[in-house]
Amino acid sequence: MIKIIAPAVTVFDRNEKPDYEGNKKVIDFLIGRGIDGILVLGSTGEFPGLSVEERMDFFRFYASYAGQRVELLAGTGCVGYQDTLRLSNAVYEMGYTPMVISPYYYALDQEKLFRYYDRLAKEVKGGLYLYNYPARTGHSIAPETVKRLVESNPNILGMKDSVDSCHHTNMVCRAVEGHAFTTYSGYDDQFLNNIANNGGGGCIGGLAVIVPELWSDLVRAVNSRDFTRTFTLFHLLQRLMPVYEMDTNCSLLLKMLLVHRGVEIDSRAVYPFAQIEMETWQKAKKLLDDVLDQYQNIR
């Protein structure tokens, strides 16, 4: 089945620590509107400023509150390998599957990427997902490297591919044909291309944070093979894509738009991404309102 998994934003207090009560409201908003799963502390979740212990505590909280209501993925990638391994092994007992971004900042060639994930896959206690995000790491996991990893490690279950060109995702799907491997698009507007691939599982896209009901409606349309409605809803999501480019850190804007939608949270983002131009905010709000109005007319 095709899925939409929301890479949830993290609500912070004035000390830039997770606000648990605020995060409960985000969880309820997403689950109540039909999301298939939640990625906790992915890139949209602004995880780099949290210590390993803070991330561990947040994962425990999230699992306890979300319970069995939704599938949970955990962003466990750290710069240090041992921290990544520790977090990844800990989250299994909480009900998560880890999703691991490759070490950011460091320059890694394909052989080093292979060695990193190969060792991790052999030392974790269960399955895991790769997370390819070259805009943040500075390197991309090549399809041939993914193939080598999957052939050596059947517990590598899939991948989130956050890339500018859907051609890369297509080549990943081609490389792992014959293996139980699910590839998710990391950008909302690559969803249709993703599901056209053998092994494409859907999307882990940030717009699901602000329009989860539209996204879940789209996935239902796909799974029921209602392609007329599929294209209509996908067009609305396409219209929202400029949100990603309106600010350098879209997490602040996503949280502000959640507040606009009635979710009573503190919309602050981590420093220095905690401010936005009023003109940008007005444009984003109008865009969201226009799309929601159009969506209401076709529900």
Protein backbone atom coordinates (compact mmCIF):
# COMPACT_ATOMS: atom_id res chain seq x y z
CA MET A 1 0.00 0.00 0.00
CA ILE A 2 1.09 3.55 -0.76
CA LYS A 3 1.69 5.72 2.33
CA ILE A 4 2.14 9.31 3.40
CA ILE A 5 4.44 9.76 6.38
CA ALA A 6 4.70 13.20 7.97
CA PRO A 7 8.16 14.44 9.01
CA ALA A 8 6.79 16.18 12.09
CA VAL A 9 7.94 19.59 13.25
CA THR A 10 9.19 19.82 16.83
CA VAL A 11 7.60 22.35 19.16
CA PHE A 12 10.16 24.08 21.37
CA ASP A 13 9.89 26.22 24.49
CA ARG A 14 11.74 29.50 25.03
CA ASN A 15 14.89 27.58 26.00
CA GLU A 16 14.80 25.63 22.72
CA LYS A 17 13.92 22.41 24.52
CA PRO A 18 10.99 20.22 23.38
CA ASP A 19 7.62 21.40 24.66
CA TYR A 20 5.84 18.10 25.28
CA GLU A 21 2.35 19.56 25.61
CA GLY A 22 2.78 21.46 22.35
CA ASN A 23 4.06 18.37 20.59
CA LYS A 24 1.02 16.40 21.76
CA LYS A 25 -1.16 18.86 19.82
CA VAL A 26 0.88 18.29 16.66
CA ILE A 27 0.63 14.51 17.08
CA ASP A 28 -3.14 14.68 17.52
CA PHE A 29 -3.51 16.99 14.53
CA LEU A 30 -1.57 14.65 12.25
CA ILE A 31 -3.08 11.38 13.41
CA GLY A 32 -6.60 12.80 13.54
CA ARG A 33 -6.35 13.70 9.85
CA GLY A 34 -5.31 10.31 8.60
CA ILE A 35 -1.52 10.29 8.34
CA ASP A 36 -0.09 6.77 7.90
CA GLY A 37 3.06 7.43 9.86
CA ILE A 38 5.25 10.05 11.52
CA LEU A 39 8.99 10.56 11.17
CA VAL A 40 10.15 11.95 14.53
CA LEU A 41 13.21 14.23 14.60
CA GLY A 42 13.88 14.23 10.91
CA SER A 43 15.27 17.34 9.24
CA THR A 44 11.96 19.19 9.59
CA GLY A 45 12.14 18.34 13.30
CA GLU A 46 15.26 20.48 13.84
CA PHE A 47 17.14 17.68 15.62
CA PRO A 48 20.80 18.84 15.38
CA GLY A 49 20.55 21.16 18.39
CA LEU A 50 19.42 18.39 20.73
CA SER A 51 21.82 16.18 22.68
CA VAL A 52 21.67 12.41 22.37
CA GLU A 53 19.96 12.21 25.77
CA GLU A 54 17.40 14.85 24.80
CA ARG A 55 16.63 12.97 21.61
CA MET A 56 16.28 9.73 23.58
CA ASP A 57 13.85 11.35 26.01
CA PHE A 58 11.86 12.86 23.16
CA PHE A 59 11.59 9.52 21.38
CA ARG A 60 10.28 7.94 24.61
CA PHE A 61 7.68 10.67 25.02
CA TYR A 62 6.54 10.47 21.40
CA ALA A 63 6.17 6.70 21.45
CA SER A 64 4.27 6.80 24.73
CA TYR A 65 1.81 9.42 23.51
CA ALA A 66 1.37 8.24 19.94
CA GLY A 67 1.13 4.65 21.18
CA GLN A 68 -0.13 2.19 18.60
CA ARG A 69 -2.07 4.84 16.72
CA VAL A 70 0.38 5.31 13.87
CA GLU A 71 3.60 3.93 12.38
CA LEU A 72 6.67 5.63 13.84
CA LEU A 73 10.08 6.25 12.28
CA ALA A 74 12.93 7.78 14.27
CA GLY A 75 15.58 10.06 12.85
CA THR A 76 18.63 8.66 14.64
CA GLY A 77 21.52 9.88 12.47
CA CYS A 78 24.32 11.71 14.30
CA VAL A 79 27.73 12.98 13.28
CA GLY A 80 29.34 10.35 15.53
CA TYR A 81 28.86 6.68 14.65
CA GLN A 82 28.52 5.42 18.22
CA ASP A 83 25.78 7.96 18.98
CA THR A 84 23.92 6.83 15.86
CA LEU A 85 24.24 3.18 16.85
CA ARG A 86 23.12 3.84 20.41
CA LEU A 87 20.03 5.81 19.37
CA SER A 88 19.14 3.37 16.62
CA ASN A 89 19.25 0.35 18.92
CA ALA A 90 17.34 2.14 21.68
CA VAL A 91 14.35 3.09 19.54
CA TYR A 92 13.45 -0.48 18.58
CA GLU A 93 12.18 -1.15 22.08
CA MET A 94 10.03 1.98 21.85
CA GLY A 95 8.27 0.82 18.69
CA TYR A 96 10.20 2.76 16.04
CA THR A 97 12.16 1.85 12.96
CA PRO A 98 15.26 4.06 12.68
CA MET A 99 15.86 6.22 9.62
CA VAL A 100 19.51 7.21 9.42
CA ILE A 101 20.91 10.20 7.60
CA SER A 102 24.57 9.81 6.67
CA PRO A 103 27.15 11.79 8.69
CA TYR A 104 26.76 15.43 7.77
CA TYR A 105 29.66 17.91 7.49
CA TYR A 106 32.18 15.21 6.55
CA ALA A 107 33.01 14.55 2.90
CA LEU A 108 32.16 10.94 2.09
CA ASP A 109 32.76 9.04 -1.12
CA GLN A 110 30.69 5.99 -2.12
CA GLU A 111 33.03 3.49 -0.51
CA LYS A 112 32.91 5.31 2.83
CA LEU A 113 29.12 5.53 2.61
CA PHE A 114 28.98 1.81 1.95
CA ARG A 115 31.24 1.00 4.89
CA TYR A 116 29.28 3.29 7.22
CA TYR A 117 25.86 1.83 6.47
CA ASP A 118 27.16 -1.73 6.10
CA ARG A 119 28.63 -1.69 9.60
CA LEU A 120 25.54 0.00 11.02
CA ALA A 121 23.19 -2.54 9.44
CA LYS A 122 25.24 -5.37 10.91
CA GLU A 123 25.34 -3.86 14.41
CA VAL A 124 21.73 -2.71 14.86
CA LYS A 125 19.12 -5.00 16.39
CA GLY A 126 16.53 -4.76 13.61
CA GLY A 127 15.58 -3.13 10.34
CA LEU A 128 16.49 0.38 9.30
CA TYR A 129 15.91 2.92 6.55
CA LEU A 130 18.54 4.98 4.76
CA TYR A 131 18.02 8.74 4.50
CA ASN A 132 19.59 10.40 1.48
CA TYR A 133 19.58 14.21 1.69
CA PRO A 134 22.52 15.63 -0.31
CA ALA A 135 21.44 19.26 0.20
CA ARG A 136 22.20 18.82 3.91
CA THR A 137 24.99 16.23 3.93
CA GLY A 138 26.96 17.32 0.88
CA HIS A 139 26.94 13.83 -0.64
CA SER A 140 24.40 11.53 -2.25
CA ILE A 141 24.10 7.76 -1.89
CA ALA A 142 24.46 6.37 -5.40
CA PRO A 143 22.00 3.72 -6.65
CA GLU A 144 24.87 1.26 -7.06
CA THR A 145 25.85 1.80 -3.41
CA VAL A 146 22.27 1.21 -2.30
CA LYS A 147 22.28 -2.03 -4.28
CA ARG A 148 25.50 -3.23 -2.62
CA LEU A 149 24.11 -2.40 0.81
CA VAL A 150 20.81 -4.19 0.26
CA GLU A 151 22.48 -7.28 -1.18
CA SER A 152 24.73 -7.46 1.90
CA ASN A 153 22.11 -6.50 4.48
CA PRO A 154 18.49 -7.68 4.12
CA ASN A 155 17.55 -5.65 7.22
CA ILE A 156 17.91 -2.42 5.19
CA LEU A 157 14.22 -1.95 4.52
CA GLY A 158 14.13 1.14 2.36
CA MET A 159 15.12 4.74 1.89
CA LYS A 160 13.90 8.30 2.02
CA ASP A 161 15.32 10.01 -1.06
CA SER A 162 15.31 13.81 -0.68
CA VAL A 163 16.82 14.79 -4.02
CA ASP A 164 16.23 17.53 -6.57
CA SER A 165 15.77 15.10 -9.44
CA CYS A 166 13.36 12.17 -9.29
CA HIS A 167 15.68 10.41 -11.77
CA HIS A 168 17.87 9.40 -8.83
CA THR A 169 14.93 7.77 -7.04
CA ASN A 170 14.00 5.98 -10.23
CA MET A 171 17.52 4.58 -10.55
CA VAL A 172 17.49 3.46 -6.90
CA CYS A 173 14.27 1.53 -7.54
CA ARG A 174 15.80 -0.04 -10.64
CA ALA A 175 18.96 -1.01 -8.75
CA VAL A 176 17.15 -2.88 -5.95
CA GLU A 177 14.54 -4.71 -8.04
CA GLY A 178 13.91 -8.16 -6.64
CA HIS A 179 14.58 -7.08 -3.06
CA ALA A 180 12.10 -6.18 -0.32
CA PHE A 181 12.99 -2.49 -0.35
CA THR A 182 10.67 0.53 -0.18
CA THR A 183 11.73 3.94 -1.49
CA TYR A 184 9.93 7.09 -0.34
CA SER A 185 10.21 10.44 -2.07
CA GLY A 186 11.46 13.19 0.20
CA TYR A 187 9.69 15.96 -1.70
CA ASP A 188 5.93 16.11 -2.09
CA ASP A 189 5.96 16.98 -5.78
CA GLN A 190 7.82 13.75 -6.66
CA PHE A 191 5.04 11.54 -5.26
CA LEU A 192 3.48 10.44 -8.54
CA ASN A 193 6.84 9.60 -10.06
CA ASN A 194 7.71 7.65 -6.92
CA ILE A 195 4.64 5.43 -6.95
CA ALA A 196 5.07 4.74 -10.67
CA ASN A 197 8.27 2.87 -9.73
CA ASN A 198 8.33 -0.75 -8.66
CA GLY A 199 9.22 -0.36 -4.99
CA GLY A 200 8.01 3.22 -4.62
CA GLY A 201 6.12 3.44 -1.34
CA GLY A 202 4.86 7.01 -1.33
CA CYS A 203 6.20 10.13 0.32
CA ILE A 204 7.72 11.47 3.52
CA GLY A 205 6.97 15.12 2.72
CA GLY A 206 6.86 18.26 4.84
CA LEU A 207 3.58 19.53 3.38
CA ALA A 208 1.88 16.65 5.18
CA VAL A 209 2.52 18.61 8.38
CA ILE A 210 0.22 21.46 7.36
CA VAL A 211 -2.31 19.66 5.12
CA PRO A 212 -2.42 16.09 6.45
CA GLU A 213 -6.06 15.62 5.45
CA LEU A 214 -5.32 16.57 1.85
CA TRP A 215 -2.37 14.20 1.76
CA SER A 216 -4.27 11.30 3.32
CA ASP A 217 -7.14 11.93 0.88
CA LEU A 218 -4.65 11.75 -1.99
CA VAL A 219 -3.24 8.44 -0.74
CA ARG A 220 -6.74 6.98 -0.41
CA ALA A 221 -7.47 8.04 -3.98
CA VAL A 222 -4.31 6.33 -5.22
CA ASN A 223 -4.93 3.13 -3.29
CA SER A 224 -8.51 2.97 -4.57
CA ARG A 225 -7.28 3.72 -8.11
CA ASP A 226 -9.38 6.88 -8.38
CA PHE A 227 -6.96 8.63 -10.70
CA THR A 228 -9.17 11.58 -11.55
CA ARG A 229 -9.23 12.56 -7.88
CA THR A 230 -5.56 11.67 -7.55
CA PHE A 231 -4.55 14.23 -10.17
CA THR A 232 -6.87 16.90 -8.76
CA LEU A 233 -5.46 16.56 -5.25
CA PHE A 234 -1.87 16.30 -6.44
CA HIS A 235 -2.33 19.57 -8.32
CA LEU A 236 -3.25 21.25 -5.02
CA LEU A 237 -0.11 19.90 -3.38
CA GLN A 238 1.96 21.16 -6.30
CA ARG A 239 0.58 24.64 -5.65
CA LEU A 240 1.94 24.51 -2.09
CA MET A 241 5.52 23.66 -3.07
CA PRO A 242 6.73 27.31 -2.94
CA VAL A 243 6.44 27.08 0.86
CA TYR A 244 9.77 25.22 0.86
CA GLU A 245 11.59 28.11 -0.80
CA MET A 246 10.07 31.01 1.12
CA ASP A 247 12.57 30.76 3.98
CA THR A 248 15.94 29.11 4.52
CA ASN A 249 14.48 26.92 7.28
CA CYS A 250 10.94 25.90 6.40
CA SER A 251 10.29 24.49 9.89
CA LEU A 252 9.46 27.95 11.26
CA LEU A 253 7.00 28.62 8.47
CA LEU A 254 5.39 25.19 8.84
CA LYS A 255 4.84 25.81 12.55
CA MET A 256 3.40 29.26 11.91
CA LEU A 257 1.03 27.76 9.36
CA LEU A 258 0.00 25.11 11.88
CA VAL A 259 -0.92 27.88 14.30
CA HIS A 260 -2.86 29.55 11.49
CA ARG A 261 -4.75 26.28 11.07
CA GLY A 262 -5.77 26.36 14.73
CA VAL A 263 -3.10 24.21 16.37
CA GLU A 264 -2.24 26.12 19.54
CA ILE A 265 1.53 25.76 19.76
CA ASP A 266 4.55 27.99 20.16
CA SER A 267 5.79 28.47 16.59
CA ARG A 268 9.37 29.43 17.46
CA ALA A 269 12.21 27.72 15.63
CA VAL A 270 15.78 27.21 16.80
CA TYR A 271 18.18 30.15 16.63
CA PRO A 272 19.10 31.74 14.19
CA PHE A 273 16.04 30.63 12.21
CA ALA A 274 13.47 32.12 14.57
CA GLN A 275 12.41 35.13 12.52
CA ILE A 276 10.74 35.70 9.18
CA GLU A 277 9.78 38.67 7.03
CA MET A 278 6.15 39.70 7.38
CA GLU A 279 5.74 39.79 3.59
CA THR A 280 6.90 36.17 3.38
CA TRP A 281 4.49 35.12 6.11
CA GLN A 282 1.57 36.85 4.40
CA LYS A 283 2.36 35.15 1.09
CA ALA A 284 2.57 31.73 2.72
CA LYS A 285 -0.66 32.22 4.64
CA LYS A 286 -2.55 33.37 1.54
CA LEU A 287 -1.22 30.45 -0.48
CA LEU A 288 -2.33 27.94 2.15
CA ASP A 289 -5.75 29.57 2.50
CA ASP A 290 -6.28 29.52 -1.26
CA VAL A 291 -5.37 25.83 -1.49
CA LEU A 292 -7.57 24.91 1.48
CA ASP A 293 -10.47 26.82 -0.05
CA GLN A 294 -10.08 24.89 -3.30
CA TYR A 295 -9.80 21.64 -1.38
CA GLN A 296 -12.99 22.39 0.54
CA ASN A 297 -14.83 22.84 -2.75
CA ILE A 298 -13.96 19.34 -3.95
CA ARG A 299 -14.40 17.37 -0.71
